[in-house]
């Protein structure tokens, strides 16, 4: 029942006609992020819109995972600090799809007690996130980021990691262009 109500509400938001959508000067996003292999965390970004189509994004994300096996525990923390351009398709609609290419640095810290005392290792590397998403406008000031899906590439301890990152949450919009 709740699922049906949610889908009907979402369909209403998407199909309701709207006045000409104004481009916000800036958008602040905050939400949940999942990066595979039990890595849960957060994603926060701020976008400055240069015009109706092009913006610049600063994105900070963190994913955390914990594995326990036969008495030892391993904790893994990763953080990414990414920047880059975003292209948004703003039409007279409540829905704004976007694509971006973000580049920066990512850090990793692992802690394990496999050999008795806690051992800690850390590394930092170039990182890249290519992807996009879909914002659904609720009001002139608020939107829901229904989906943000990215290919995330890092390189820790001389090995390259390729994984997907899924995020969703709220977007607060400031000013008007």
Protein backbone atom coordinates (compact mmCIF):
# COMPACT_ATOMS: atom_id res chain seq x y z
CA UNK A 1 0.00 0.00 0.00
CA UNK A 2 2.75 2.45 0.95
CA UNK A 3 4.70 1.50 -2.15
CA UNK A 4 1.67 2.18 -4.38
CA UNK A 5 1.08 5.53 -2.67
CA UNK A 6 4.75 6.48 -3.17
CA UNK A 7 4.68 5.53 -6.88
CA UNK A 8 1.44 7.46 -7.45
CA UNK A 9 2.89 10.52 -5.68
CA UNK A 10 6.06 10.33 -7.74
CA UNK A 11 4.05 10.00 -10.97
CA UNK A 12 2.01 13.05 -9.96
CA UNK A 13 5.15 15.10 -9.30
CA UNK A 14 6.68 14.10 -12.62
CA UNK A 15 3.61 14.64 -14.78
CA UNK A 16 2.21 17.81 -13.20
CA UNK A 17 2.66 20.78 -15.49
CA UNK A 18 4.84 23.54 -14.11
CA UNK A 19 5.65 27.13 -14.88
CA UNK A 20 8.91 27.85 -16.66
CA UNK A 21 11.57 26.43 -14.41
CA UNK A 22 14.04 29.00 -13.20
CA UNK A 23 17.67 28.06 -12.88
CA UNK A 24 18.98 28.30 -9.32
CA UNK A 25 22.34 30.02 -8.74
CA UNK A 26 23.47 27.17 -6.46
CA UNK A 27 22.28 23.75 -5.36
CA UNK A 28 23.28 21.97 -2.14
CA UNK A 29 22.83 18.18 -2.11
CA UNK A 30 23.10 15.84 0.85
CA UNK A 31 22.19 12.19 1.03
CA UNK A 32 22.94 8.52 1.40
CA UNK A 33 25.55 6.78 -0.74
CA UNK A 34 26.23 3.09 -1.46
CA UNK A 35 29.43 2.03 -3.22
CA UNK A 36 29.16 -1.77 -3.32
CA UNK A 37 30.65 -4.51 -1.13
CA UNK A 38 28.80 -3.32 1.95
CA UNK A 39 30.14 0.26 1.72
CA UNK A 40 27.51 2.64 3.07
CA UNK A 41 28.01 6.34 3.64
CA UNK A 42 27.18 9.85 2.54
CA UNK A 43 27.50 12.17 -0.43
CA UNK A 44 27.41 15.98 -0.19
CA UNK A 45 27.88 18.39 -3.07
CA UNK A 46 27.45 22.00 -3.98
CA UNK A 47 26.88 23.11 -7.56
CA UNK A 48 27.24 26.65 -8.86
CA UNK A 49 25.19 27.05 -12.03
CA UNK A 50 26.90 29.26 -14.60
CA UNK A 51 23.84 29.29 -16.85
CA UNK A 52 20.75 27.16 -17.57
CA UNK A 53 22.83 24.19 -18.78
CA UNK A 54 26.34 24.32 -17.28
CA UNK A 55 27.50 24.26 -13.69
CA UNK A 56 30.57 23.53 -11.58
CA UNK A 57 30.36 20.91 -8.80
CA UNK A 58 32.35 20.25 -5.63
CA UNK A 59 31.54 16.80 -4.18
CA UNK A 60 32.61 15.16 -0.91
CA UNK A 61 31.73 11.54 -0.23
CA UNK A 62 32.50 8.95 2.39
CA UNK A 63 31.90 5.21 2.46
CA UNK A 64 32.45 2.91 5.41
CA UNK A 65 32.50 -0.87 5.65
CA UNK A 66 33.29 -3.43 8.33
CA UNK A 67 34.05 -7.11 7.87
CA UNK A 68 34.31 -9.72 10.64
CA UNK A 69 35.66 -13.21 9.99
CA UNK A 70 36.90 -15.83 12.46
CA UNK A 71 37.63 -13.41 15.26
CA UNK A 72 39.29 -10.59 13.34
CA UNK A 73 37.66 -7.37 12.21
CA UNK A 74 38.60 -5.10 9.34
CA UNK A 75 37.26 -1.56 9.01
CA UNK A 76 37.62 0.37 5.76
CA UNK A 77 37.00 4.11 5.41
CA UNK A 78 37.19 5.91 2.07
CA UNK A 79 36.65 9.61 1.40
CA UNK A 80 36.60 11.40 -1.94
CA UNK A 81 37.02 15.10 -2.72
CA UNK A 82 35.98 15.71 -6.33
CA UNK A 83 35.42 18.73 -8.59
CA UNK A 84 34.25 19.22 -12.15
CA UNK A 85 31.63 20.31 -14.68
CA UNK A 86 27.95 19.35 -14.71
CA UNK A 87 25.55 19.57 -17.64
CA UNK A 88 21.86 19.83 -16.72
CA UNK A 89 18.84 19.62 -19.00
CA UNK A 90 16.38 22.17 -17.63
CA UNK A 91 13.15 22.29 -19.55
CA UNK A 92 9.68 23.39 -18.44
CA UNK A 93 9.39 20.37 -16.21
CA UNK A 94 9.76 19.24 -12.62
CA UNK A 95 12.43 16.74 -13.64
CA UNK A 96 16.07 17.77 -14.23
CA UNK A 97 18.44 15.10 -15.55
CA UNK A 98 22.16 15.86 -15.33
CA UNK A 99 25.56 14.39 -16.17
CA UNK A 100 28.95 15.23 -14.69
CA UNK A 101 32.65 14.39 -14.81
CA UNK A 102 34.35 14.85 -11.44
CA UNK A 103 38.06 14.59 -10.68
CA UNK A 104 40.10 14.89 -7.50
CA UNK A 105 41.56 12.83 -4.69
CA UNK A 106 40.37 9.89 -2.65
CA UNK A 107 41.74 8.58 0.65
CA UNK A 108 41.53 5.12 2.19
CA UNK A 109 42.20 3.97 5.73
CA UNK A 110 42.02 0.35 6.86
CA UNK A 111 42.20 -0.98 10.40
CA UNK A 112 42.52 -4.65 11.24
CA UNK A 113 43.15 -6.71 14.37
CA UNK A 114 44.04 -9.89 12.48
CA UNK A 115 47.49 -10.16 14.08
CA UNK A 116 46.63 -9.05 17.64
CA UNK A 117 47.02 -5.28 18.05
CA UNK A 118 45.16 -3.02 15.67
CA UNK A 119 47.12 -2.34 12.49
CA UNK A 120 46.30 0.69 10.38
CA UNK A 121 47.16 1.38 6.74
CA UNK A 122 46.28 4.42 4.64
CA UNK A 123 46.74 5.66 1.09
CA UNK A 124 45.61 8.52 -1.14
CA UNK A 125 45.16 8.60 -4.89
CA UNK A 126 43.71 10.34 -7.90
CA UNK A 127 39.98 9.67 -8.18
CA UNK A 128 37.40 10.10 -10.91
CA UNK A 129 33.60 9.85 -10.93
CA UNK A 130 31.68 9.83 -14.21
CA UNK A 131 27.90 9.69 -14.12
CA UNK A 132 24.71 11.58 -13.65
CA UNK A 133 21.36 11.64 -12.02
CA UNK A 134 17.82 12.88 -11.84
CA UNK A 135 16.38 15.64 -9.61
CA UNK A 136 12.63 15.96 -9.06
CA UNK A 137 11.55 19.46 -8.05
CA UNK A 138 9.17 19.71 -5.11
CA UNK A 139 9.19 23.51 -4.88
CA UNK A 140 11.35 26.40 -6.09
CA UNK A 141 13.68 25.82 -3.13
CA UNK A 142 13.60 22.04 -2.68
CA UNK A 143 14.10 18.96 -4.86
CA UNK A 144 14.62 15.25 -4.34
CA UNK A 145 17.66 13.67 -5.94
CA UNK A 146 15.84 10.48 -6.92
CA UNK A 147 18.98 8.93 -8.37
CA UNK A 148 22.66 9.69 -8.82
CA UNK A 149 24.66 6.86 -10.37
CA UNK A 150 28.39 7.07 -11.04
CA UNK A 151 31.38 5.04 -12.14
CA UNK A 152 34.03 5.67 -9.47
CA UNK A 153 37.70 4.94 -10.16
CA UNK A 154 40.44 5.01 -7.51
CA UNK A 155 43.91 3.52 -7.14
CA UNK A 156 45.05 2.38 -3.70
CA UNK A 157 48.15 0.37 -2.82
CA UNK A 158 49.16 0.08 -6.50
CA UNK A 159 45.82 -1.51 -7.48
CA UNK A 160 43.03 0.17 -9.44
CA UNK A 161 39.48 -0.05 -8.12
CA UNK A 162 36.43 0.32 -10.36
CA UNK A 163 33.04 0.48 -8.68
CA UNK A 164 29.64 2.01 -8.96
CA UNK A 165 28.32 4.59 -6.52
CA UNK A 166 24.60 5.14 -5.97
CA UNK A 167 23.35 8.19 -4.07
CA UNK A 168 20.01 9.79 -3.31
CA UNK A 169 18.76 12.53 -0.98
CA UNK A 170 17.60 16.15 -0.86
CA UNK A 171 18.64 19.19 -2.89
CA UNK A 172 18.24 22.73 -1.54
CA UNK A 173 18.25 25.39 -4.25
CA UNK A 174 19.47 28.98 -3.71
CA UNK A 175 18.88 32.14 -5.74
CA UNK A 176 17.79 32.46 -9.35
CA UNK A 177 19.72 32.99 -12.59
